[in-house]
């Protein structure tokens, strides 16, 4: 499974929804609070031209925000991106 990193800030409903989605899939994630680490937010914002949270990464790939994550899940592509595998 690829590592997941979510840049968030407190009281962000989209951040909560993104974390809930990963939790429902039993996918662990690293959460980085951008209010505690403004330098990291600035770095991601500059590199990906993205100003809002959540900022979601799967492995080294920038996914975008919650709407982008939700679309991947609805299209059935999220499990493939995460390298979720099942064994029989």
PDB file of N, CA and C in Angstrom:
ATOM      1  N   UNK A   1       0.843  -1.175   0.000  1.00  0.00           N
ATOM      2  CA  UNK A   1       0.000   0.000   0.000  1.00  0.00           C
ATOM      3  C   UNK A   1       0.890   1.241   0.000  1.00  0.00           C
ATOM      4  N   UNK A   2       0.536   2.187  -0.840  1.00  0.00           N
ATOM      5  CA  UNK A   2       1.295   3.435  -0.902  1.00  0.00           C
ATOM      6  C   UNK A   2       0.954   4.306   0.308  1.00  0.00           C
ATOM      7  N   UNK A   3       1.931   5.071   0.783  1.00  0.00           N
ATOM      8  CA  UNK A   3       1.652   5.966   1.910  1.00  0.00           C
ATOM      9  C   UNK A   3       0.764   7.131   1.483  1.00  0.00           C
ATOM     10  N   UNK A   4      -0.060   7.585   2.409  1.00  0.00           N
ATOM     11  CA  UNK A   4      -0.963   8.703   2.161  1.00  0.00           C
ATOM     12  C   UNK A   4      -0.592   9.836   3.109  1.00  0.00           C
ATOM     13  N   UNK A   5      -0.510  11.046   2.556  1.00  0.00           N
ATOM     14  CA  UNK A   5      -0.261  12.240   3.347  1.00  0.00           C
ATOM     15  C   UNK A   5      -1.353  13.246   3.046  1.00  0.00           C
ATOM     16  N   UNK A   6      -1.934  13.807   4.123  1.00  0.00           N
ATOM     17  CA  UNK A   6      -2.994  14.797   3.967  1.00  0.00           C
ATOM     18  C   UNK A   6      -2.589  16.065   4.717  1.00  0.00           C
ATOM     19  N   UNK A   7      -2.486  17.158   4.000  1.00  0.00           N
ATOM     20  CA  UNK A   7      -2.246  18.456   4.612  1.00  0.00           C
ATOM     21  C   UNK A   7      -3.618  19.028   4.966  1.00  0.00           C
ATOM     22  N   UNK A   8      -3.814  19.361   6.238  1.00  0.00           N
ATOM     23  CA  UNK A   8      -5.125  19.778   6.729  1.00  0.00           C
ATOM     24  C   UNK A   8      -5.006  21.030   7.583  1.00  0.00           C
ATOM     25  N   UNK A   9      -6.165  21.540   7.989  1.00  0.00           N
ATOM     26  CA  UNK A   9      -6.224  22.535   9.051  1.00  0.00           C
ATOM     27  C   UNK A   9      -7.464  22.233   9.887  1.00  0.00           C
ATOM     28  N   UNK A  10      -7.434  22.616  11.160  1.00  0.00           N
ATOM     29  CA  UNK A  10      -8.572  22.332  12.033  1.00  0.00           C
ATOM     30  C   UNK A  10      -9.862  22.960  11.498  1.00  0.00           C
ATOM     31  N   UNK A  11     -10.946  22.277  11.755  1.00  0.00           N
ATOM     32  CA  UNK A  11     -12.281  22.760  11.410  1.00  0.00           C
ATOM     33  C   UNK A  11     -12.568  22.783   9.911  1.00  0.00           C
ATOM     34  N   UNK A  12     -11.770  22.109   9.127  1.00  0.00           N
ATOM     35  CA  UNK A  12     -11.984  22.031   7.678  1.00  0.00           C
ATOM     36  C   UNK A  12     -12.872  20.823   7.384  1.00  0.00           C
ATOM     37  N   UNK A  13     -14.112  21.030   6.934  1.00  0.00           N
ATOM     38  CA  UNK A  13     -15.008  19.893   6.699  1.00  0.00           C
ATOM     39  C   UNK A  13     -14.523  18.956   5.593  1.00  0.00           C
ATOM     40  N   UNK A  14     -13.858  19.491   4.592  1.00  0.00           N
ATOM     41  CA  UNK A  14     -13.356  18.633   3.513  1.00  0.00           C
ATOM     42  C   UNK A  14     -12.182  17.777   3.986  1.00  0.00           C
ATOM     43  N   UNK A  15     -11.396  18.327   4.898  1.00  0.00           N
ATOM     44  CA  UNK A  15     -10.300  17.556   5.491  1.00  0.00           C
ATOM     45  C   UNK A  15     -10.876  16.386   6.291  1.00  0.00           C
ATOM     46  N   UNK A  16     -11.905  16.666   7.072  1.00  0.00           N
ATOM     47  CA  UNK A  16     -12.557  15.623   7.862  1.00  0.00           C
ATOM     48  C   UNK A  16     -13.097  14.530   6.949  1.00  0.00           C
ATOM     49  N   UNK A  17     -13.735  14.909   5.874  1.00  0.00           N
ATOM     50  CA  UNK A  17     -14.315  13.926   4.949  1.00  0.00           C
ATOM     51  C   UNK A  17     -13.237  13.082   4.278  1.00  0.00           C
ATOM     52  N   UNK A  18     -12.120  13.695   3.926  1.00  0.00           N
ATOM     53  CA  UNK A  18     -11.015  12.942   3.319  1.00  0.00           C
ATOM     54  C   UNK A  18     -10.469  11.916   4.310  1.00  0.00           C
ATOM     55  N   UNK A  19     -10.271  12.346   5.554  1.00  0.00           N
ATOM     56  CA  UNK A  19      -9.755  11.435   6.581  1.00  0.00           C
ATOM     57  C   UNK A  19     -10.756  10.308   6.843  1.00  0.00           C
ATOM     58  N   UNK A  20     -12.040  10.630   6.869  1.00  0.00           N
ATOM     59  CA  UNK A  20     -13.067   9.603   7.068  1.00  0.00           C
ATOM     60  C   UNK A  20     -13.064   8.580   5.939  1.00  0.00           C
ATOM     61  N   UNK A  21     -12.851   9.029   4.713  1.00  0.00           N
ATOM     62  CA  UNK A  21     -12.815   8.110   3.578  1.00  0.00           C
ATOM     63  C   UNK A  21     -11.651   7.139   3.716  1.00  0.00           C
ATOM     64  N   UNK A  22     -10.477   7.642   4.025  1.00  0.00           N
ATOM     65  CA  UNK A  22      -9.327   6.751   4.195  1.00  0.00           C
ATOM     66  C   UNK A  22      -9.530   5.808   5.384  1.00  0.00           C
ATOM     67  N   UNK A  23     -10.087   6.317   6.461  1.00  0.00           N
ATOM     68  CA  UNK A  23     -10.359   5.473   7.627  1.00  0.00           C
ATOM     69  C   UNK A  23     -11.338   4.362   7.272  1.00  0.00           C
ATOM     70  N   UNK A  24     -12.372   4.687   6.494  1.00  0.00           N
ATOM     71  CA  UNK A  24     -13.363   3.673   6.112  1.00  0.00           C
ATOM     72  C   UNK A  24     -12.749   2.568   5.253  1.00  0.00           C
ATOM     73  N   UNK A  25     -11.650   2.884   4.571  1.00  0.00           N
ATOM     74  CA  UNK A  25     -10.947   1.906   3.740  1.00  0.00           C
ATOM     75  C   UNK A  25      -9.809   1.225   4.494  1.00  0.00           C
ATOM     76  N   UNK A  26      -9.672   1.558   5.785  1.00  0.00           N
ATOM     77  CA  UNK A  26      -8.574   1.047   6.615  1.00  0.00           C
ATOM     78  C   UNK A  26      -7.211   1.416   6.037  1.00  0.00           C
ATOM     79  N   UNK A  27      -7.125   2.624   5.509  1.00  0.00           N
ATOM     80  CA  UNK A  27      -5.877   3.126   4.934  1.00  0.00           C
ATOM     81  C   UNK A  27      -5.278   4.137   5.913  1.00  0.00           C
ATOM     82  N   UNK A  28      -4.108   3.834   6.459  1.00  0.00           N
ATOM     83  CA  UNK A  28      -3.466   4.803   7.363  1.00  0.00           C
ATOM     84  C   UNK A  28      -2.974   6.015   6.577  1.00  0.00           C
ATOM     85  N   UNK A  29      -2.913   7.132   7.265  1.00  0.00           N
ATOM     86  CA  UNK A  29      -2.439   8.350   6.611  1.00  0.00           C
ATOM     87  C   UNK A  29      -1.652   9.187   7.609  1.00  0.00           C
ATOM     88  N   UNK A  30      -0.774   9.997   7.062  1.00  0.00           N
ATOM     89  CA  UNK A  30      -0.055  10.984   7.865  1.00  0.00           C
ATOM     90  C   UNK A  30      -0.770  12.310   7.675  1.00  0.00           C
ATOM     91  N   UNK A  31      -1.103  12.948   8.776  1.00  0.00           N
ATOM     92  CA  UNK A  31      -1.769  14.240   8.719  1.00  0.00           C
ATOM     93  C   UNK A  31      -0.787  15.331   9.097  1.00  0.00           C
ATOM     94  N   UNK A  32      -0.723  16.370   8.272  1.00  0.00           N
ATOM     95  CA  UNK A  32       0.138  17.515   8.555  1.00  0.00           C
ATOM     96  C   UNK A  32      -0.750  18.750   8.666  1.00  0.00           C
ATOM     97  N   UNK A  33      -0.797  19.320   9.861  1.00  0.00           N
ATOM     98  CA  UNK A  33      -1.588  20.524  10.119  1.00  0.00           C
ATOM     99  C   UNK A  33      -0.826  21.722   9.558  1.00  0.00           C
ATOM    100  N   UNK A  34      -1.402  22.386   8.563  1.00  0.00           N
ATOM    101  CA  UNK A  34      -0.694  23.487   7.899  1.00  0.00           C
ATOM    102  C   UNK A  34      -0.606  24.732   8.773  1.00  0.00           C
ATOM    103  N   UNK A  35      -1.442  24.816   9.816  1.00  0.00           N
ATOM    104  CA  UNK A  35      -1.313  25.945  10.732  1.00  0.00           C
ATOM    105  C   UNK A  35      -0.093  25.775  11.629  1.00  0.00           C
ATOM    106  N   UNK A  36       0.249  24.528  11.917  1.00  0.00           N
ATOM    107  CA  UNK A  36       1.443  24.243  12.713  1.00  0.00           C
ATOM    108  C   UNK A  36       2.702  24.214  11.854  1.00  0.00           C
ATOM    109  N   UNK A  37       2.533  23.964  10.554  1.00  0.00           N
ATOM    110  CA  UNK A  37       3.663  23.850   9.624  1.00  0.00           C
ATOM    111  C   UNK A  37       3.409  24.695   8.371  1.00  0.00           C
ATOM    112  N   UNK A  38       3.347  26.016   8.525  1.00  0.00           N
ATOM    113  CA  UNK A  38       3.049  26.870   7.366  1.00  0.00           C
ATOM    114  C   UNK A  38       4.092  26.768   6.258  1.00  0.00           C
ATOM    115  N   UNK A  39       5.320  26.422   6.610  1.00  0.00           N
ATOM    116  CA  UNK A  39       6.369  26.278   5.595  1.00  0.00           C
ATOM    117  C   UNK A  39       6.045  25.126   4.649  1.00  0.00           C
ATOM    118  N   UNK A  40       5.477  24.048   5.178  1.00  0.00           N
ATOM    119  CA  UNK A  40       5.123  22.913   4.326  1.00  0.00           C
ATOM    120  C   UNK A  40       3.961  23.261   3.412  1.00  0.00           C
ATOM    121  N   UNK A  41       2.991  24.016   3.926  1.00  0.00           N
ATOM    122  CA  UNK A  41       1.871  24.451   3.090  1.00  0.00           C
ATOM    123  C   UNK A  41       2.383  25.320   1.947  1.00  0.00           C
ATOM    124  N   UNK A  42       3.261  26.238   2.274  1.00  0.00           N
ATOM    125  CA  UNK A  42       3.824  27.132   1.261  1.00  0.00           C
ATOM    126  C   UNK A  42       4.553  26.334   0.179  1.00  0.00           C
ATOM    127  N   UNK A  43       5.302  25.345   0.597  1.00  0.00           N
ATOM    128  CA  UNK A  43       6.047  24.515  -0.345  1.00  0.00           C
ATOM    129  C   UNK A  43       5.112  23.775  -1.307  1.00  0.00           C
ATOM    130  N   UNK A  44       4.079  23.146  -0.765  1.00  0.00           N
ATOM    131  CA  UNK A  44       3.128  22.404  -1.605  1.00  0.00           C
ATOM    132  C   UNK A  44       2.339  23.364  -2.489  1.00  0.00           C
ATOM    133  N   UNK A  45       1.909  24.489  -1.923  1.00  0.00           N
ATOM    134  CA  UNK A  45       1.156  25.483  -2.688  1.00  0.00           C
ATOM    135  C   UNK A  45       1.955  25.982  -3.881  1.00  0.00           C
ATOM    136  N   UNK A  46       3.217  26.253  -3.643  1.00  0.00           N
ATOM    137  CA  UNK A  46       4.069  26.771  -4.714  1.00  0.00           C
ATOM    138  C   UNK A  46       4.323  25.692  -5.777  1.00  0.00           C
ATOM    139  N   UNK A  47       4.635  24.486  -5.334  1.00  0.00           N
ATOM    140  CA  UNK A  47       4.998  23.423  -6.269  1.00  0.00           C
ATOM    141  C   UNK A  47       3.812  22.963  -7.125  1.00  0.00           C
ATOM    142  N   UNK A  48       2.610  22.909  -6.530  1.00  0.00           N
ATOM    143  CA  UNK A  48       1.457  22.359  -7.242  1.00  0.00           C
ATOM    144  C   UNK A  48       0.395  23.403  -7.577  1.00  0.00           C
ATOM    145  N   UNK A  49       0.688  24.675  -7.272  1.00  0.00           N
ATOM    146  CA  UNK A  49      -0.250  25.756  -7.532  1.00  0.00           C
ATOM    147  C   UNK A  49      -1.616  25.437  -6.921  1.00  0.00           C
ATOM    148  N   UNK A  50      -1.589  25.047  -5.632  1.00  0.00           N
ATOM    149  CA  UNK A  50      -2.791  24.614  -4.927  1.00  0.00           C
ATOM    150  C   UNK A  50      -2.854  25.381  -3.614  1.00  0.00           C
ATOM    151  N   UNK A  51      -3.942  26.101  -3.382  1.00  0.00           N
ATOM    152  CA  UNK A  51      -4.009  26.982  -2.223  1.00  0.00           C
ATOM    153  C   UNK A  51      -4.893  26.457  -1.094  1.00  0.00           C
ATOM    154  N   UNK A  52      -5.787  25.525  -1.370  1.00  0.00           N
ATOM    155  CA  UNK A  52      -6.752  25.096  -0.366  1.00  0.00           C
ATOM    156  C   UNK A  52      -6.373  23.761   0.263  1.00  0.00           C
ATOM    157  N   UNK A  53      -6.982  23.471   1.399  1.00  0.00           N
ATOM    158  CA  UNK A  53      -6.823  22.172   2.037  1.00  0.00           C
ATOM    159  C   UNK A  53      -8.149  21.423   1.915  1.00  0.00           C
ATOM    160  N   UNK A  54      -8.094  20.119   1.914  1.00  0.00           N
ATOM    161  CA  UNK A  54      -6.916  19.296   2.076  1.00  0.00           C
ATOM    162  C   UNK A  54      -6.063  19.261   0.811  1.00  0.00           C
ATOM    163  N   UNK A  55      -4.795  18.965   1.025  1.00  0.00           N
ATOM    164  CA  UNK A  55      -3.848  18.684  -0.055  1.00  0.00           C
ATOM    165  C   UNK A  55      -3.472  17.222   0.146  1.00  0.00           C
ATOM    166  N   UNK A  56      -3.846  16.381  -0.799  1.00  0.00           N
ATOM    167  CA  UNK A  56      -3.744  14.939  -0.599  1.00  0.00           C
ATOM    168  C   UNK A  56      -2.705  14.345  -1.541  1.00  0.00           C
ATOM    169  N   UNK A  57      -1.825  13.529  -0.953  1.00  0.00           N
ATOM    170  CA  UNK A  57      -0.815  12.803  -1.714  1.00  0.00           C
ATOM    171  C   UNK A  57      -0.996  11.309  -1.482  1.00  0.00           C
ATOM    172  N   UNK A  58      -0.891  10.558  -2.555  1.00  0.00           N
ATOM    173  CA  UNK A  58      -0.823   9.103  -2.470  1.00  0.00           C
ATOM    174  C   UNK A  58       0.527   8.721  -3.040  1.00  0.00           C
ATOM    175  N   UNK A  59       1.378   8.198  -2.191  1.00  0.00           N
ATOM    176  CA  UNK A  59       2.763   7.995  -2.589  1.00  0.00           C
ATOM    177  C   UNK A  59       3.360   9.361  -2.879  1.00  0.00           C
ATOM    178  N   UNK A  60       3.998   9.488  -3.997  1.00  0.00           N
ATOM    179  CA  UNK A  60       4.593  10.769  -4.394  1.00  0.00           C
ATOM    180  C   UNK A  60       3.659  11.589  -5.269  1.00  0.00           C
ATOM    181  N   UNK A  61       2.491  11.048  -5.584  1.00  0.00           N
ATOM    182  CA  UNK A  61       1.570  11.702  -6.521  1.00  0.00           C
ATOM    183  C   UNK A  61       0.599  12.625  -5.803  1.00  0.00           C
ATOM    184  N   UNK A  62       0.505  13.861  -6.262  1.00  0.00           N
ATOM    185  CA  UNK A  62      -0.446  14.815  -5.725  1.00  0.00           C
ATOM    186  C   UNK A  62      -1.809  14.522  -6.328  1.00  0.00           C
ATOM    187  N   UNK A  63      -2.786  14.228  -5.470  1.00  0.00           N
ATOM    188  CA  UNK A  63      -4.137  13.893  -5.923  1.00  0.00           C
ATOM    189  C   UNK A  63      -4.987  15.141  -6.083  1.00  0.00           C
ATOM    190  N   UNK A  64      -4.812  16.093  -5.188  1.00  0.00           N
ATOM    191  CA  UNK A  64      -5.637  17.296  -5.180  1.00  0.00           C
ATOM    192  C   UNK A  64      -6.348  17.402  -3.854  1.00  0.00           C
ATOM    193  N   UNK A  65      -7.631  17.816  -3.889  1.00  0.00           N
ATOM    194  CA  UNK A  65      -8.418  17.981  -2.680  1.00  0.00           C
ATOM    195  C   UNK A  65      -9.448  16.880  -2.527  1.00  0.00           C
ATOM    196  N   UNK A  66     -10.422  17.120  -1.645  1.00  0.00           N
ATOM    197  CA  UNK A  66     -11.415  16.090  -1.372  1.00  0.00           C
ATOM    198  C   UNK A  66     -12.258  15.773  -2.601  1.00  0.00           C
ATOM    199  N   UNK A  67     -12.650  16.762  -3.369  1.00  0.00           N
ATOM    200  CA  UNK A  67     -13.463  16.493  -4.562  1.00  0.00           C
ATOM    201  C   UNK A  67     -12.730  15.559  -5.522  1.00  0.00           C
ATOM    202  N   UNK A  68     -11.436  15.761  -5.676  1.00  0.00           N
ATOM    203  CA  UNK A  68     -10.634  14.908  -6.553  1.00  0.00           C
ATOM    204  C   UNK A  68     -10.553  13.491  -5.985  1.00  0.00           C
ATOM    205  N   UNK A  69     -10.363  13.396  -4.677  1.00  0.00           N
ATOM    206  CA  UNK A  69     -10.305  12.099  -4.011  1.00  0.00           C
ATOM    207  C   UNK A  69     -11.638  11.364  -4.141  1.00  0.00           C
ATOM    208  N   UNK A  70     -12.716  12.078  -3.920  1.00  0.00           N
ATOM    209  CA  UNK A  70     -14.052  11.497  -4.009  1.00  0.00           C
ATOM    210  C   UNK A  70     -14.339  10.990  -5.423  1.00  0.00           C
ATOM    211  N   UNK A  71     -13.902  11.732  -6.411  1.00  0.00           N
ATOM    212  CA  UNK A  71     -14.093  11.323  -7.807  1.00  0.00           C
ATOM    213  C   UNK A  71     -13.329  10.028  -8.096  1.00  0.00           C
ATOM    214  N   UNK A  72     -12.093   9.936  -7.607  1.00  0.00           N
ATOM    215  CA  UNK A  72     -11.316   8.707  -7.790  1.00  0.00           C
ATOM    216  C   UNK A  72     -12.029   7.515  -7.148  1.00  0.00           C
ATOM    217  N   UNK A  73     -12.572   7.717  -5.962  1.00  0.00           N
ATOM    218  CA  UNK A  73     -13.287   6.642  -5.271  1.00  0.00           C
ATOM    219  C   UNK A  73     -14.534   6.243  -6.046  1.00  0.00           C
ATOM    220  N   UNK A  74     -15.293   7.220  -6.538  1.00  0.00           N
ATOM    221  CA  UNK A  74     -16.523   6.945  -7.280  1.00  0.00           C
ATOM    222  C   UNK A  74     -16.243   6.212  -8.594  1.00  0.00           C
ATOM    223  N   UNK A  75     -15.121   6.504  -9.205  1.00  0.00           N
ATOM    224  CA  UNK A  75     -14.744   5.867 -10.471  1.00  0.00           C
ATOM    225  C   UNK A  75     -14.062   4.518 -10.266  1.00  0.00           C
ATOM    226  N   UNK A  76     -13.853   4.132  -9.012  1.00  0.00           N
ATOM    227  CA  UNK A  76     -13.205   2.862  -8.716  1.00  0.00           C
ATOM    228  C   UNK A  76     -11.702   2.869  -8.937  1.00  0.00           C
ATOM    229  N   UNK A  77     -11.097   4.042  -8.977  1.00  0.00           N
ATOM    230  CA  UNK A  77      -9.661   4.165  -9.252  1.00  0.00           C
ATOM    231  C   UNK A  77      -8.813   4.333  -7.989  1.00  0.00           C
ATOM    232  N   UNK A  78      -9.451   4.622  -6.867  1.00  0.00           N
ATOM    233  CA  UNK A  78      -8.707   4.913  -5.656  1.00  0.00           C
ATOM    234  C   UNK A  78      -7.942   3.695  -5.143  1.00  0.00           C
ATOM    235  N   UNK A  79      -8.591   2.544  -5.119  1.00  0.00           N
ATOM    236  CA  UNK A  79      -7.920   1.322  -4.659  1.00  0.00           C
ATOM    237  C   UNK A  79      -6.691   1.003  -5.488  1.00  0.00           C
ATOM    238  N   UNK A  80      -6.794   1.203  -6.794  1.00  0.00           N
ATOM    239  CA  UNK A  80      -5.658   0.957  -7.685  1.00  0.00           C
ATOM    240  C   UNK A  80      -4.526   1.935  -7.394  1.00  0.00           C
ATOM    241  N   UNK A  81      -4.867   3.200  -7.164  1.00  0.00           N
ATOM    242  CA  UNK A  81      -3.829   4.193  -6.854  1.00  0.00           C
ATOM    243  C   UNK A  81      -3.103   3.860  -5.554  1.00  0.00           C
ATOM    244  N   UNK A  82      -3.869   3.336  -4.596  1.00  0.00           N
ATOM    245  CA  UNK A  82      -3.303   3.010  -3.294  1.00  0.00           C
ATOM    246  C   UNK A  82      -2.521   1.700  -3.310  1.00  0.00           C
ATOM    247  N   UNK A  83      -2.630   0.955  -4.404  1.00  0.00           N
ATOM    248  CA  UNK A  83      -2.044  -0.377  -4.499  1.00  0.00           C
ATOM    249  C   UNK A  83      -2.643  -1.307  -3.455  1.00  0.00           C
ATOM    250  N   UNK A  84      -3.970  -1.180  -3.265  1.00  0.00           N
ATOM    251  CA  UNK A  84      -4.659  -2.089  -2.348  1.00  0.00           C
ATOM    252  C   UNK A  84      -4.759  -3.431  -3.044  1.00  0.00           C
ATOM    253  N   UNK A  85      -4.257  -4.442  -2.399  1.00  0.00           N
ATOM    254  CA  UNK A  85      -4.316  -5.784  -2.976  1.00  0.00           C
ATOM    255  C   UNK A  85      -5.002  -6.705  -1.990  1.00  0.00           C
ATOM    256  N   UNK A  86      -5.688  -7.664  -2.535  1.00  0.00           N
ATOM    257  CA  UNK A  86      -6.317  -8.664  -1.691  1.00  0.00           C
ATOM    258  C   UNK A  86      -5.677  -9.999  -1.964  1.00  0.00           C
ATOM    259  N   UNK A  87      -5.563 -10.789  -0.936  1.00  0.00           N
ATOM    260  CA  UNK A  87      -5.005 -12.118  -1.104  1.00  0.00           C
ATOM    261  C   UNK A  87      -6.085 -13.142  -0.804  1.00  0.00           C
ATOM    262  N   UNK A  88      -6.087 -14.216  -1.581  1.00  0.00           N
ATOM    263  CA  UNK A  88      -7.114 -15.240  -1.404  1.00  0.00           C
ATOM    264  C   UNK A  88      -6.560 -16.380  -0.588  1.00  0.00           C
TER     265      UNK A  88
END
